[in-house]
Amino acid sequence: MPEITTVSAAEADTSLLTALRRLRGRATLGDVVSATGMPEDQAETALKGLLETHRGHLEVSDSGDLLYQFDPRLIERAREPFGVRFRRAAWSAFKTGFKVWTAVMLVVYFIVFVALIIAAMTANRDGRGFGRRGFGLGDLFILHWLMGGRGWSRGSLYYGHSHARRLPKDARPPFYKKVFAFIFGPEEPRPNQLQKDRSTLQLIRARKGVLTSAELVEHTGLPLTDAQEELGRLTGAHGGDPGVSERGEVVYTFSGLMKSAHGKVRAREPNPAWLRLEYPKKLTGNNAGANWGIGAMNGFNLTAATVIGLGPALQTTTAAAVAVDPLWFWGLGVVPLTFSSMFFGIPLVRSLGLRRENAGRLRRNVRRLLIGLVYSRSVGAVRWVSVADAIRHVTPRLKDWNVGPRVVLKELETLAAEFNAEVEADDDGFRYRFPAIRGTFVEAELTRRALKLGDQKLGRIVYATSDTSEEASKRDLEAFDRELMRAEVDVSRYLPSPGEVGYEEDFEVVMEDKRPARVRSRPRGRPSRPRSRPQWR
């Protein structure tokens, strides 16, 4: 009898990558099996795992076959170019060093210059000449006030004044956090992948374990190709199973997510894209009073360094032959003057990049609002969307932004290209119809009906170590009898009203787990959307 050898996971991954490179990243399951010699189920598992770690997505051919499409270079999802990583590391190191320098320079030099001025004024009154007073209790009080924030936990991030003012008074951020925000802007946390996945997994559960790329676009605002890649990654990470519907739509099912130890899964859908608009990014995040106060402190240091530190050297002439103490010149002149100039210069340079960042945020907000309009006219009865309709829908809802018609038209054309919209000329230019969007919603709903993943049960508990003989007998008589009621294919319930818009940053979702204990909780039974309050109806 021939000896049967098994292939390890590492060997399978190596052979799979080698085969995909030869196939230029595009392959069917049969291609991979024949190229690697792996069993079909092992090859399918390896392909799903590769979707999680490498850039790729699934496609469907005209014949209904499933194709795996990876980047020909097989680039890892988390991989970044060396230049990007180097610039980020260098900027992070510079920020850390400058923050430490700031803690010394801004506060200590402010106190030192004030002390020198007071000492000079006192010396002039009593005729003793220029002197220097000691570091007293008054200075300690000023330092304590500057570094205050008694209830602020160490390591907590400062997202800006708009978030901080909602905290209890004893948990407000200390002054030095506002100083750092003045220089480098409010802190921007980077939610990890698990935290970002929570919202999508909640959506999958709310949609009974079935999701399509168009439905993911509805809730994230991602471009369609990015949504396809994201679903490919989720398939590998969370045991998804891609399938092809009768009309050639790729439908992803996640049966494992629909099993719960607490009975039938009931999940609330996360906010759709038009209720997750991005705020305009702030230069400092501080209120005007904090910015004026910080600017005044640094301006005082800048002036004092020029007058007190560099003044004697500037007034010294060769003829006078007055020797200036180098420690005084550098310690009270050049060093604080350099720091104070950089203190004002860094925000000035950042403001140039901020305009570019906010332009990107504006485009993404326009896209998300257009998604709401287009989906509302496509999920039910498919209706036309004209350019004038799009402008009337977007402009009043982004009144705080400078929205031009060209931006709206460009994003509408992008959506039309992604979903193969029908185009027709009218008096206002062009109008568009998106029948493919309704098609993908219907295919997903039919899959939900057929699979009934929402009715999955763990089954009877047939044995428990804590059971008595009576309880064991009772378990044998218990059974679950719930069935999914068959209904018409009405998918409009999956579309919240696009007339409501709101703002919600990614970090605000993450902050739900870190809400201060003293913040008053919301009354039960009241709708919960504190971060995405509707702006317009």
Protein backbone atom coordinates (compact mmCIF):
# COMPACT_ATOMS: atom_id res chain seq x y z
CA MET A 1 0.00 0.00 0.00
CA PRO A 2 1.56 3.35 -1.00
CA GLU A 3 2.48 5.72 1.78
CA ILE A 4 0.26 8.80 2.00
CA THR A 5 2.09 12.04 2.80
CA THR A 6 0.45 15.17 4.07
CA VAL A 7 1.36 18.75 3.21
CA SER A 8 2.07 21.14 6.08
CA ALA A 9 0.47 24.57 6.23
CA ALA A 10 3.80 26.29 5.53
CA GLU A 11 4.47 24.09 2.49
CA ALA A 12 0.92 24.71 1.24
CA ASP A 13 1.34 28.49 1.53
CA THR A 14 4.69 28.39 -0.28
CA SER A 15 3.40 26.25 -3.14
CA LEU A 16 0.24 28.37 -3.41
CA LEU A 17 2.22 31.61 -3.70
CA THR A 18 4.52 30.03 -6.28
CA ALA A 19 1.55 28.85 -8.33
CA LEU A 20 -0.20 32.22 -8.19
CA ARG A 21 2.93 34.02 -9.33
CA ARG A 22 3.05 31.75 -12.39
CA LEU A 23 -0.66 32.41 -12.97
CA ARG A 24 -0.12 36.19 -12.57
CA GLY A 25 -2.44 36.33 -9.57
CA ARG A 26 -5.58 35.22 -11.40
CA ALA A 27 -6.85 31.67 -10.92
CA THR A 28 -9.80 29.41 -10.34
CA LEU A 29 -9.85 26.73 -7.69
CA GLY A 30 -9.13 24.16 -10.42
CA ASP A 31 -6.06 26.12 -11.54
CA VAL A 32 -4.65 26.08 -8.02
CA VAL A 33 -5.38 22.39 -7.46
CA SER A 34 -3.68 21.37 -10.70
CA ALA A 35 -0.72 23.72 -10.14
CA THR A 36 -0.03 22.68 -6.53
CA GLY A 37 -1.38 19.14 -6.26
CA MET A 38 -3.21 20.04 -3.05
CA PRO A 39 -6.60 18.46 -2.30
CA GLU A 40 -9.49 20.67 -3.33
CA ASP A 41 -10.67 21.45 0.20
CA GLN A 42 -7.13 22.32 1.34
CA ALA A 43 -6.58 24.53 -1.69
CA GLU A 44 -9.86 26.35 -1.07
CA THR A 45 -8.94 26.91 2.59
CA ALA A 46 -5.51 28.20 1.60
CA LEU A 47 -7.01 30.60 -0.96
CA LYS A 48 -9.43 32.02 1.62
CA GLY A 49 -6.56 32.48 4.07
CA LEU A 50 -4.55 34.26 1.40
CA LEU A 51 -7.43 36.69 0.83
CA GLU A 52 -7.03 37.79 4.45
CA THR A 53 -3.30 38.51 4.23
CA HIS A 54 -2.80 39.62 0.61
CA ARG A 55 -4.51 42.15 -1.61
CA GLY A 56 -7.15 40.42 -3.67
CA HIS A 57 -10.84 39.88 -4.29
CA LEU A 58 -13.28 37.54 -6.01
CA GLU A 59 -14.75 37.82 -9.49
CA VAL A 60 -17.45 35.93 -11.38
CA SER A 61 -17.17 34.92 -15.03
CA ASP A 62 -20.03 34.92 -17.54
CA SER A 63 -20.39 31.18 -16.98
CA GLY A 64 -20.88 31.70 -13.26
CA ASP A 65 -17.43 30.42 -12.23
CA LEU A 66 -15.66 31.95 -9.24
CA LEU A 67 -12.22 33.49 -9.89
CA TYR A 68 -9.64 34.57 -7.33
CA GLN A 69 -7.94 37.81 -8.37
CA PHE A 70 -4.77 38.83 -6.50
CA ASP A 71 -2.28 41.58 -7.21
CA PRO A 72 0.29 40.00 -9.60
CA ARG A 73 3.06 41.00 -7.16
CA LEU A 74 1.14 39.32 -4.29
CA ILE A 75 1.47 42.35 -2.05
CA GLU A 76 0.57 41.86 1.60
CA ARG A 77 -2.28 44.02 2.87
CA ALA A 78 -0.36 45.45 5.81
CA ARG A 79 2.80 46.08 3.81
CA GLU A 80 3.84 49.69 3.30
CA PRO A 81 6.69 51.11 1.20
CA PHE A 82 9.91 51.71 3.10
CA GLY A 83 9.73 55.45 2.41
CA VAL A 84 6.28 55.72 4.01
CA ARG A 85 7.36 53.77 7.08
CA PHE A 86 10.57 55.78 7.39
CA ARG A 87 8.78 59.13 7.15
CA ARG A 88 6.22 58.04 9.75
CA ALA A 89 8.93 56.81 12.14
CA ALA A 90 10.99 59.98 11.66
CA TRP A 91 7.97 62.23 12.22
CA SER A 92 6.97 60.23 15.32
CA ALA A 93 10.50 60.50 16.76
CA PHE A 94 10.59 64.23 16.03
CA LYS A 95 7.18 64.74 17.69
CA THR A 96 8.26 62.84 20.79
CA GLY A 97 11.49 64.80 21.09
CA PHE A 98 9.85 68.14 20.45
CA LYS A 99 7.13 67.40 23.02
CA VAL A 100 9.77 66.74 25.66
CA TRP A 101 11.55 69.93 24.62
CA THR A 102 8.27 71.82 24.74
CA ALA A 103 7.55 70.70 28.30
CA VAL A 104 10.87 72.24 29.34
CA MET A 105 11.06 75.25 27.07
CA LEU A 106 7.60 76.76 27.04
CA VAL A 107 6.84 76.48 30.75
CA VAL A 108 10.30 76.78 32.29
CA TYR A 109 11.47 79.62 30.06
CA PHE A 110 8.20 81.45 30.59
CA ILE A 111 8.77 81.26 34.35
CA VAL A 112 12.47 82.16 34.00
CA PHE A 113 11.77 85.22 31.83
CA VAL A 114 9.01 86.41 34.15
CA ALA A 115 11.37 85.97 37.12
CA LEU A 116 14.12 87.93 35.34
CA ILE A 117 11.76 90.78 34.51
CA ILE A 118 10.45 90.92 38.09
CA ALA A 119 14.01 90.75 39.43
CA ALA A 120 15.09 93.57 37.11
CA MET A 121 12.16 95.74 38.17
CA THR A 122 12.88 95.06 41.87
CA ALA A 123 16.57 95.75 41.43
CA ASN A 124 15.90 99.05 39.73
CA ARG A 125 13.70 100.15 42.65
CA ASP A 126 16.18 99.37 45.45
CA GLY A 127 19.29 100.26 43.44
CA ARG A 128 21.05 96.92 43.85
CA GLY A 129 21.47 96.34 40.13
CA PHE A 130 20.18 93.47 38.03
CA GLY A 131 19.62 90.31 40.05
CA ARG A 132 17.81 87.02 39.92
CA ARG A 133 15.17 85.78 42.36
CA GLY A 134 14.73 82.17 43.46
CA PHE A 135 12.19 79.62 42.31
CA GLY A 136 9.37 80.02 44.83
CA LEU A 137 5.94 78.63 45.70
CA GLY A 138 4.29 80.97 43.21
CA ASP A 139 6.21 79.33 40.39
CA LEU A 140 5.18 75.88 41.61
CA PHE A 141 1.55 76.99 41.57
CA ILE A 142 1.88 78.22 37.96
CA LEU A 143 3.58 74.96 36.95
CA HIS A 144 0.84 72.92 38.66
CA TRP A 145 -1.84 74.91 36.81
CA LEU A 146 -0.12 74.45 33.47
CA MET A 147 0.27 70.70 33.98
CA GLY A 148 -3.16 70.23 35.62
CA GLY A 149 -5.97 67.83 34.81
CA ARG A 150 -6.45 65.80 37.97
CA GLY A 151 -8.94 63.33 36.56
CA TRP A 152 -7.09 62.86 33.28
CA SER A 153 -5.68 59.35 33.10
CA ARG A 154 -2.11 59.02 31.92
CA GLY A 155 -1.88 58.00 28.28
CA SER A 156 -5.34 59.29 27.36
CA LEU A 157 -5.54 60.97 23.98
CA TYR A 158 -6.71 64.52 23.37
CA TYR A 159 -9.12 64.60 20.42
CA GLY A 160 -9.77 68.34 20.67
CA HIS A 161 -11.97 70.77 22.53
CA SER A 162 -15.24 69.54 20.96
CA HIS A 163 -14.72 66.14 22.59
CA ALA A 164 -13.11 67.35 25.82
CA ARG A 165 -15.96 69.69 26.74
CA ARG A 166 -18.30 66.70 27.00
CA LEU A 167 -16.16 65.21 29.79
CA PRO A 168 -16.71 65.91 33.51
CA LYS A 169 -14.78 68.92 34.82
CA ASP A 170 -12.38 66.83 36.87
CA ALA A 171 -11.57 64.72 33.78
CA ARG A 172 -10.74 67.61 31.45
CA PRO A 173 -7.38 67.36 29.65
CA PRO A 174 -4.39 69.17 31.17
CA PHE A 175 -2.96 72.28 29.61
CA TYR A 176 0.11 70.59 28.16
CA LYS A 177 -2.16 68.40 25.96
CA LYS A 178 -3.55 71.57 24.42
CA VAL A 179 -0.03 72.88 23.90
CA PHE A 180 0.94 69.72 21.99
CA ALA A 181 -2.27 69.99 19.94
CA PHE A 182 -1.37 73.60 19.08
CA ILE A 183 1.87 72.37 17.52
CA PHE A 184 0.96 68.98 16.02
CA GLY A 185 -2.83 69.04 15.93
CA PRO A 186 -5.28 66.92 17.96
CA GLU A 187 -4.23 63.32 18.46
CA GLU A 188 -5.57 60.85 15.93
CA PRO A 189 -5.83 57.30 17.24
CA ARG A 190 -5.40 54.46 14.81
CA PRO A 191 -8.03 51.81 15.55
CA ASN A 192 -6.60 48.35 15.04
CA GLN A 193 -8.12 45.96 12.53
CA LEU A 194 -10.17 44.12 15.14
CA GLN A 195 -11.79 47.34 16.29
CA LYS A 196 -12.57 48.39 12.72
CA ASP A 197 -14.00 44.97 11.92
CA ARG A 198 -16.53 45.15 14.74
CA SER A 199 -18.84 47.48 12.82
CA THR A 200 -18.78 45.31 9.68
CA LEU A 201 -19.35 42.11 11.65
CA GLN A 202 -22.29 43.78 13.37
CA LEU A 203 -23.67 44.60 9.91
CA ILE A 204 -23.24 40.99 8.77
CA ARG A 205 -25.15 39.75 11.80
CA ALA A 206 -27.90 42.32 11.24
CA ARG A 207 -28.17 41.10 7.62
CA LYS A 208 -28.58 37.48 8.77
CA GLY A 209 -25.07 36.37 7.85
CA VAL A 210 -25.29 37.37 4.17
CA LEU A 211 -23.63 40.39 2.57
CA THR A 212 -22.72 41.68 -0.87
CA SER A 213 -20.18 44.30 -1.91
CA ALA A 214 -22.93 46.84 -2.73
CA GLU A 215 -24.34 46.47 0.78
CA LEU A 216 -20.90 47.06 2.25
CA VAL A 217 -20.59 50.22 0.14
CA GLU A 218 -23.89 51.39 1.65
CA HIS A 219 -22.44 51.33 5.15
CA THR A 220 -18.81 52.30 4.56
CA GLY A 221 -18.79 54.54 1.49
CA LEU A 222 -15.82 52.59 0.11
CA PRO A 223 -15.27 52.41 -3.63
CA LEU A 224 -16.78 49.21 -5.02
CA THR A 225 -13.41 47.60 -5.77
CA ASP A 226 -12.20 48.34 -2.23
CA ALA A 227 -15.43 46.85 -0.83
CA GLN A 228 -14.80 43.70 -2.86
CA GLU A 229 -11.27 43.46 -1.47
CA GLU A 230 -12.52 44.05 2.06
CA LEU A 231 -15.08 41.26 1.75
CA GLY A 232 -12.35 39.01 0.44
CA ARG A 233 -10.27 39.75 3.54
CA LEU A 234 -13.25 39.18 5.83
CA THR A 235 -13.88 35.88 4.10
CA GLY A 236 -10.45 34.64 5.07
CA ALA A 237 -10.48 36.19 8.54
CA HIS A 238 -13.96 35.14 9.68
CA GLY A 239 -14.77 31.93 7.84
CA GLY A 240 -16.86 33.42 5.05
CA ASP A 241 -18.06 31.40 2.11
CA PRO A 242 -18.37 33.20 -1.25
CA GLY A 243 -20.98 31.93 -3.65
CA VAL A 244 -22.45 32.90 -7.00
CA SER A 245 -26.18 33.57 -7.33
CA GLU A 246 -28.25 32.57 -10.35
CA ARG A 247 -27.73 36.05 -11.82
CA GLY A 248 -23.99 36.02 -11.34
CA GLU A 249 -23.77 38.09 -8.15
CA VAL A 250 -21.05 37.20 -5.63
CA VAL A 251 -22.80 36.70 -2.29
CA TYR A 252 -20.75 36.18 0.88
CA THR A 253 -22.21 34.06 3.68
CA PHE A 254 -20.86 33.89 7.24
CA SER A 255 -22.73 31.05 8.90
CA GLY A 256 -20.38 30.90 11.89
CA LEU A 257 -21.26 34.46 12.91
CA MET A 258 -24.94 33.54 13.19
CA LYS A 259 -24.50 30.99 15.97
CA SER A 260 -24.91 32.26 19.50
CA ALA A 261 -25.01 30.75 22.96
CA HIS A 262 -27.94 33.08 23.74
CA GLY A 263 -30.41 31.93 21.13
CA LYS A 264 -31.36 33.76 17.98
CA VAL A 265 -28.93 36.49 16.96
CA ARG A 266 -30.35 39.99 17.14
CA ALA A 267 -28.01 42.74 16.03
CA ARG A 268 -28.58 46.44 15.44
CA GLU A 269 -27.28 47.74 12.14
CA PRO A 270 -24.47 50.29 12.33
CA ASN A 271 -24.97 53.70 10.78
CA PRO A 272 -24.94 53.87 6.97
CA ALA A 273 -22.37 55.94 5.11
CA TRP A 274 -24.40 59.18 5.01
CA LEU A 275 -24.65 59.14 8.81
CA ARG A 276 -20.88 58.71 9.08
CA LEU A 277 -19.64 61.91 7.49
CA GLU A 278 -16.17 63.15 8.39
CA TYR A 279 -15.75 66.38 10.34
CA PRO A 280 -13.55 69.11 8.86
CA LYS A 281 -10.12 68.49 10.28
CA LYS A 282 -8.98 71.19 12.71
CA LEU A 283 -5.53 72.73 12.78
CA THR A 284 -5.21 72.55 16.58
CA GLY A 285 -8.53 71.21 17.89
CA ASN A 286 -8.41 73.79 20.70
CA ASN A 287 -10.94 76.52 21.30
CA ALA A 288 -10.00 80.12 20.49
CA GLY A 289 -9.21 80.98 24.13
CA ALA A 290 -6.68 78.15 24.49
CA ASN A 291 -5.02 79.03 21.18
CA TRP A 292 -4.72 82.70 22.13
CA GLY A 293 -3.31 81.80 25.55
CA ILE A 294 -0.73 79.38 24.15
CA GLY A 295 0.20 81.78 21.38
CA ALA A 296 0.62 84.61 23.90
CA MET A 297 2.93 82.49 26.08
CA ASN A 298 5.13 81.53 23.15
CA GLY A 299 5.02 85.08 21.79
CA PHE A 300 6.21 86.34 25.17
CA ASN A 301 9.09 83.83 25.12
CA LEU A 302 9.98 84.85 21.56
CA THR A 303 10.07 88.54 22.48
CA ALA A 304 11.91 87.97 25.75
CA ALA A 305 14.55 85.80 24.05
CA THR A 306 15.14 88.54 21.51
CA VAL A 307 15.29 91.39 24.03
CA ILE A 308 16.84 89.76 27.11
CA GLY A 309 18.91 86.98 25.54
CA LEU A 310 20.08 88.58 22.30
CA GLY A 311 19.63 92.24 23.27
CA PRO A 312 23.02 92.70 24.98
CA ALA A 313 24.84 91.05 22.04
CA LEU A 314 22.96 93.14 19.50
CA GLN A 315 23.78 96.32 21.40
CA THR A 316 27.45 95.42 21.84
CA THR A 317 29.86 97.15 19.49
CA THR A 318 33.49 96.39 18.77
CA ALA A 319 34.49 99.79 20.10
CA ALA A 320 32.74 99.18 23.40
CA ALA A 321 34.54 95.83 23.78
CA VAL A 322 31.88 94.55 26.10
CA ALA A 323 32.11 90.80 26.53
CA VAL A 324 28.78 88.97 26.41
CA ASP A 325 28.47 85.78 28.47
CA PRO A 326 28.09 82.87 25.96
CA LEU A 327 25.86 80.99 28.39
CA TRP A 328 23.54 83.99 28.56
CA PHE A 329 23.64 84.47 24.76
CA TRP A 330 22.89 80.84 23.90
CA GLY A 331 20.85 79.79 26.93
CA LEU A 332 18.55 82.82 27.07
CA GLY A 333 18.79 83.92 23.44
CA VAL A 334 19.48 81.49 20.61
CA VAL A 335 17.91 78.34 22.11
CA PRO A 336 14.53 79.83 23.19
CA LEU A 337 14.37 81.95 20.02
CA THR A 338 14.87 78.84 17.85
CA PHE A 339 12.29 76.89 19.81
CA SER A 340 9.70 79.69 19.74
CA SER A 341 10.15 80.13 15.99
CA MET A 342 9.61 76.39 15.42
CA PHE A 343 6.63 76.51 17.79
CA PHE A 344 4.89 78.89 15.39
CA GLY A 345 6.44 77.48 12.22
CA ILE A 346 5.26 73.86 12.55
CA PRO A 347 1.52 74.73 12.64
CA LEU A 348 2.06 77.08 9.69
CA VAL A 349 3.56 74.28 7.60
CA ARG A 350 0.86 71.84 8.74
CA SER A 351 -1.86 74.23 7.58
CA LEU A 352 -0.75 73.67 3.98
CA GLY A 353 -1.31 69.92 4.23
CA LEU A 354 -4.53 70.45 6.16
CA ARG A 355 -6.19 72.05 3.16
CA ARG A 356 -5.38 69.01 1.06
CA GLU A 357 -6.67 66.65 3.76
CA ASN A 358 -9.96 68.54 4.08
CA ALA A 359 -10.41 68.49 0.31
CA GLY A 360 -10.23 64.69 0.48
CA ARG A 361 -12.72 64.63 3.35
CA LEU A 362 -15.09 66.81 1.34
CA ARG A 363 -14.98 64.42 -1.62
CA ARG A 364 -15.66 61.44 0.63
CA ASN A 365 -18.59 63.25 2.28
CA VAL A 366 -20.08 64.10 -1.12
CA ARG A 367 -19.74 60.47 -2.16
CA ARG A 368 -21.48 59.24 1.00
CA LEU A 369 -24.38 61.62 0.53
CA LEU A 370 -24.71 60.58 -3.11
CA ILE A 371 -24.73 56.93 -2.04
CA GLY A 372 -27.77 57.71 0.11
CA LEU A 373 -29.55 59.43 -2.78
CA VAL A 374 -28.66 56.79 -5.38
CA TYR A 375 -29.53 53.85 -3.16
CA SER A 376 -32.87 55.39 -2.14
CA ARG A 377 -33.78 55.59 -5.84
CA SER A 378 -32.48 52.13 -6.69
CA VAL A 379 -33.29 49.69 -3.90
CA GLY A 380 -37.08 50.04 -4.34
CA ALA A 381 -38.44 51.17 -7.68
CA VAL A 382 -35.47 52.10 -9.86
CA ARG A 383 -35.66 55.82 -10.68
CA TRP A 384 -33.46 58.34 -12.44
CA VAL A 385 -30.94 60.58 -10.65
CA SER A 386 -30.09 63.76 -12.50
CA VAL A 387 -27.11 66.03 -11.90
CA ALA A 388 -29.47 68.74 -10.63
CA ASP A 389 -31.00 66.25 -8.16
CA ALA A 390 -27.55 65.39 -6.87
CA ILE A 391 -26.54 69.04 -6.38
CA ARG A 392 -29.82 69.85 -4.60
CA HIS A 393 -29.34 66.85 -2.31
CA VAL A 394 -25.69 67.46 -1.40
CA THR A 395 -25.24 71.24 -1.19
CA PRO A 396 -27.60 72.09 1.73
CA ARG A 397 -26.38 69.12 3.75
CA LEU A 398 -22.78 70.29 3.56
CA LYS A 399 -23.40 73.98 4.14
CA ASP A 400 -20.28 74.24 6.34
CA TRP A 401 -18.16 73.07 3.41
CA ASN A 402 -17.41 74.85 0.15
CA VAL A 403 -19.09 72.38 -2.21
CA GLY A 404 -18.81 73.13 -5.92
CA PRO A 405 -20.96 71.53 -8.65
CA ARG A 406 -17.86 69.98 -10.23
CA VAL A 407 -17.14 67.92 -7.11
CA VAL A 408 -20.71 66.59 -7.03
CA LEU A 409 -20.68 65.80 -10.76
CA LYS A 410 -17.33 63.99 -10.55
CA GLU A 411 -18.44 61.78 -7.65
CA LEU A 412 -21.77 61.01 -9.36
CA GLU A 413 -19.91 59.96 -12.51
CA THR A 414 -17.61 57.78 -10.41
CA LEU A 415 -20.60 55.99 -8.85
CA ALA A 416 -22.16 55.55 -12.30
CA ALA A 417 -18.97 53.92 -13.59
CA GLU A 418 -18.67 51.60 -10.57
CA PHE A 419 -22.22 50.25 -10.86
CA ASN A 420 -22.55 50.32 -14.68
CA ALA A 421 -25.38 52.83 -14.51
CA GLU A 422 -27.65 53.61 -17.41
CA VAL A 423 -27.03 57.12 -18.77
CA GLU A 424 -29.49 59.38 -20.54
CA ALA A 425 -29.30 63.04 -21.62
CA ASP A 426 -31.83 65.50 -20.22
CA ASP A 427 -32.29 69.27 -19.99
CA ASP A 428 -29.81 69.54 -17.07
CA GLY A 429 -27.12 67.48 -18.77
CA PHE A 430 -27.29 63.79 -17.88
CA ARG A 431 -29.26 61.54 -15.59
CA TYR A 432 -28.44 58.07 -14.33
CA ARG A 433 -30.22 54.86 -13.30
CA PHE A 434 -28.67 52.11 -11.16
CA PRO A 435 -30.61 48.86 -11.66
CA ALA A 436 -27.56 46.79 -10.65
CA ILE A 437 -27.87 48.05 -7.07
CA ARG A 438 -31.40 46.71 -6.68
CA GLY A 439 -30.28 43.47 -8.31
CA THR A 440 -27.55 42.85 -5.77
CA PHE A 441 -29.91 43.61 -2.85
CA VAL A 442 -32.51 41.18 -4.22
CA GLU A 443 -29.93 38.42 -4.73
CA ALA A 444 -28.72 38.86 -1.17
CA GLU A 445 -32.28 38.68 0.18
CA LEU A 446 -33.06 35.53 -1.81
CA THR A 447 -29.90 33.95 -0.41
CA ARG A 448 -31.02 34.86 3.11
CA ARG A 449 -34.36 33.18 2.52
CA ALA A 450 -32.79 30.07 1.11
CA LEU A 451 -30.13 29.62 3.81
CA LYS A 452 -32.07 30.91 6.83
CA LEU A 453 -28.85 31.53 8.70
CA GLY A 454 -30.72 33.82 11.06
CA ASP A 455 -32.56 30.78 12.43
CA GLN A 456 -29.47 28.74 13.19
CA LYS A 457 -29.44 27.13 16.61
CA LEU A 458 -26.76 25.45 18.60
CA GLY A 459 -29.01 22.46 19.03
CA ARG A 460 -30.02 20.69 22.18
CA ILE A 461 -27.68 20.51 25.13
CA VAL A 462 -27.51 16.75 25.44
CA TYR A 463 -25.12 16.60 28.36
CA ALA A 464 -23.86 18.89 31.12
CA THR A 465 -21.65 17.85 34.01
CA SER A 466 -23.84 19.81 36.45
CA ASP A 467 -27.12 18.10 35.44
CA THR A 468 -29.10 15.99 37.83
CA SER A 469 -30.91 12.97 36.48
CA GLU A 470 -34.19 14.95 36.36
CA GLU A 471 -32.58 17.83 34.47
CA ALA A 472 -30.99 15.43 32.02
CA SER A 473 -34.38 13.87 31.34
CA LYS A 474 -35.92 17.31 30.83
CA ARG A 475 -33.27 18.23 28.26
CA ASP A 476 -34.23 15.22 26.19
CA LEU A 477 -37.79 16.59 25.90
CA GLU A 478 -36.89 20.18 24.95
CA ALA A 479 -36.78 21.30 21.28
CA PHE A 480 -36.55 24.51 19.30
CA ASP A 481 -39.43 25.24 16.88
CA ARG A 482 -38.85 28.71 15.35
CA GLU A 483 -39.10 29.08 11.54
CA LEU A 484 -38.37 32.10 9.32
CA MET A 485 -41.63 33.52 7.98
CA ARG A 486 -41.59 33.68 4.22
CA ALA A 487 -42.32 37.19 2.93
CA GLU A 488 -42.13 39.23 -0.22
CA VAL A 489 -38.75 40.32 -1.47
CA ASP A 490 -38.86 43.79 0.09
CA VAL A 491 -35.33 45.07 0.54
CA SER A 492 -36.19 48.71 1.24
CA ARG A 493 -36.08 48.02 4.99
CA TYR A 494 -32.31 47.71 4.70
CA LEU A 495 -32.03 51.37 3.69
CA PRO A 496 -32.30 54.04 6.41
CA SER A 497 -33.58 57.42 5.26
CA PRO A 498 -30.93 59.27 3.20
CA GLY A 499 -32.57 62.56 4.22
CA GLU A 500 -30.84 62.31 7.59
CA VAL A 501 -27.11 62.92 7.70
CA GLY A 502 -24.64 62.97 10.54
CA TYR A 503 -20.95 62.93 11.45
CA GLU A 504 -19.04 60.03 13.00
CA GLU A 505 -15.30 59.44 13.09
CA ASP A 506 -13.85 55.92 13.34
CA PHE A 507 -12.26 56.65 16.71
CA GLU A 508 -15.63 57.61 18.19
CA VAL A 509 -16.81 54.02 17.70
CA VAL A 510 -13.68 52.81 19.47
CA MET A 511 -14.22 55.33 22.28
CA GLU A 512 -17.51 53.63 23.21
CA ASP A 513 -15.54 51.21 25.39
CA LYS A 514 -13.65 54.05 27.12
CA ARG A 515 -16.48 56.35 28.10
CA PRO A 516 -15.77 58.03 31.49
CA ALA A 517 -17.67 56.49 34.37
CA ARG A 518 -19.07 59.84 35.52
CA VAL A 519 -20.73 60.64 32.20
CA ARG A 520 -24.47 60.29 32.66
CA SER A 521 -25.85 57.26 30.87
CA ARG A 522 -28.59 57.52 28.26
CA PRO A 523 -32.14 56.66 29.38
CA ARG A 524 -33.33 53.27 28.26
CA GLY A 525 -35.61 53.03 25.30
CA ARG A 526 -34.38 56.25 23.68
CA PRO A 527 -32.81 56.05 20.21
CA SER A 528 -29.03 55.96 20.38
CA ARG A 529 -27.26 58.20 17.90
CA PRO A 530 -25.32 60.76 19.92
CA ARG A 531 -22.44 60.96 17.46
CA SER A 532 -24.50 61.15 14.31
CA ARG A 533 -27.16 63.69 15.11
CA PRO A 534 -29.15 64.45 11.96
CA GLN A 535 -28.15 67.76 10.43
CA TRP A 536 -30.92 68.07 7.85
CA ARG A 537 -34.23 66.48 7.01
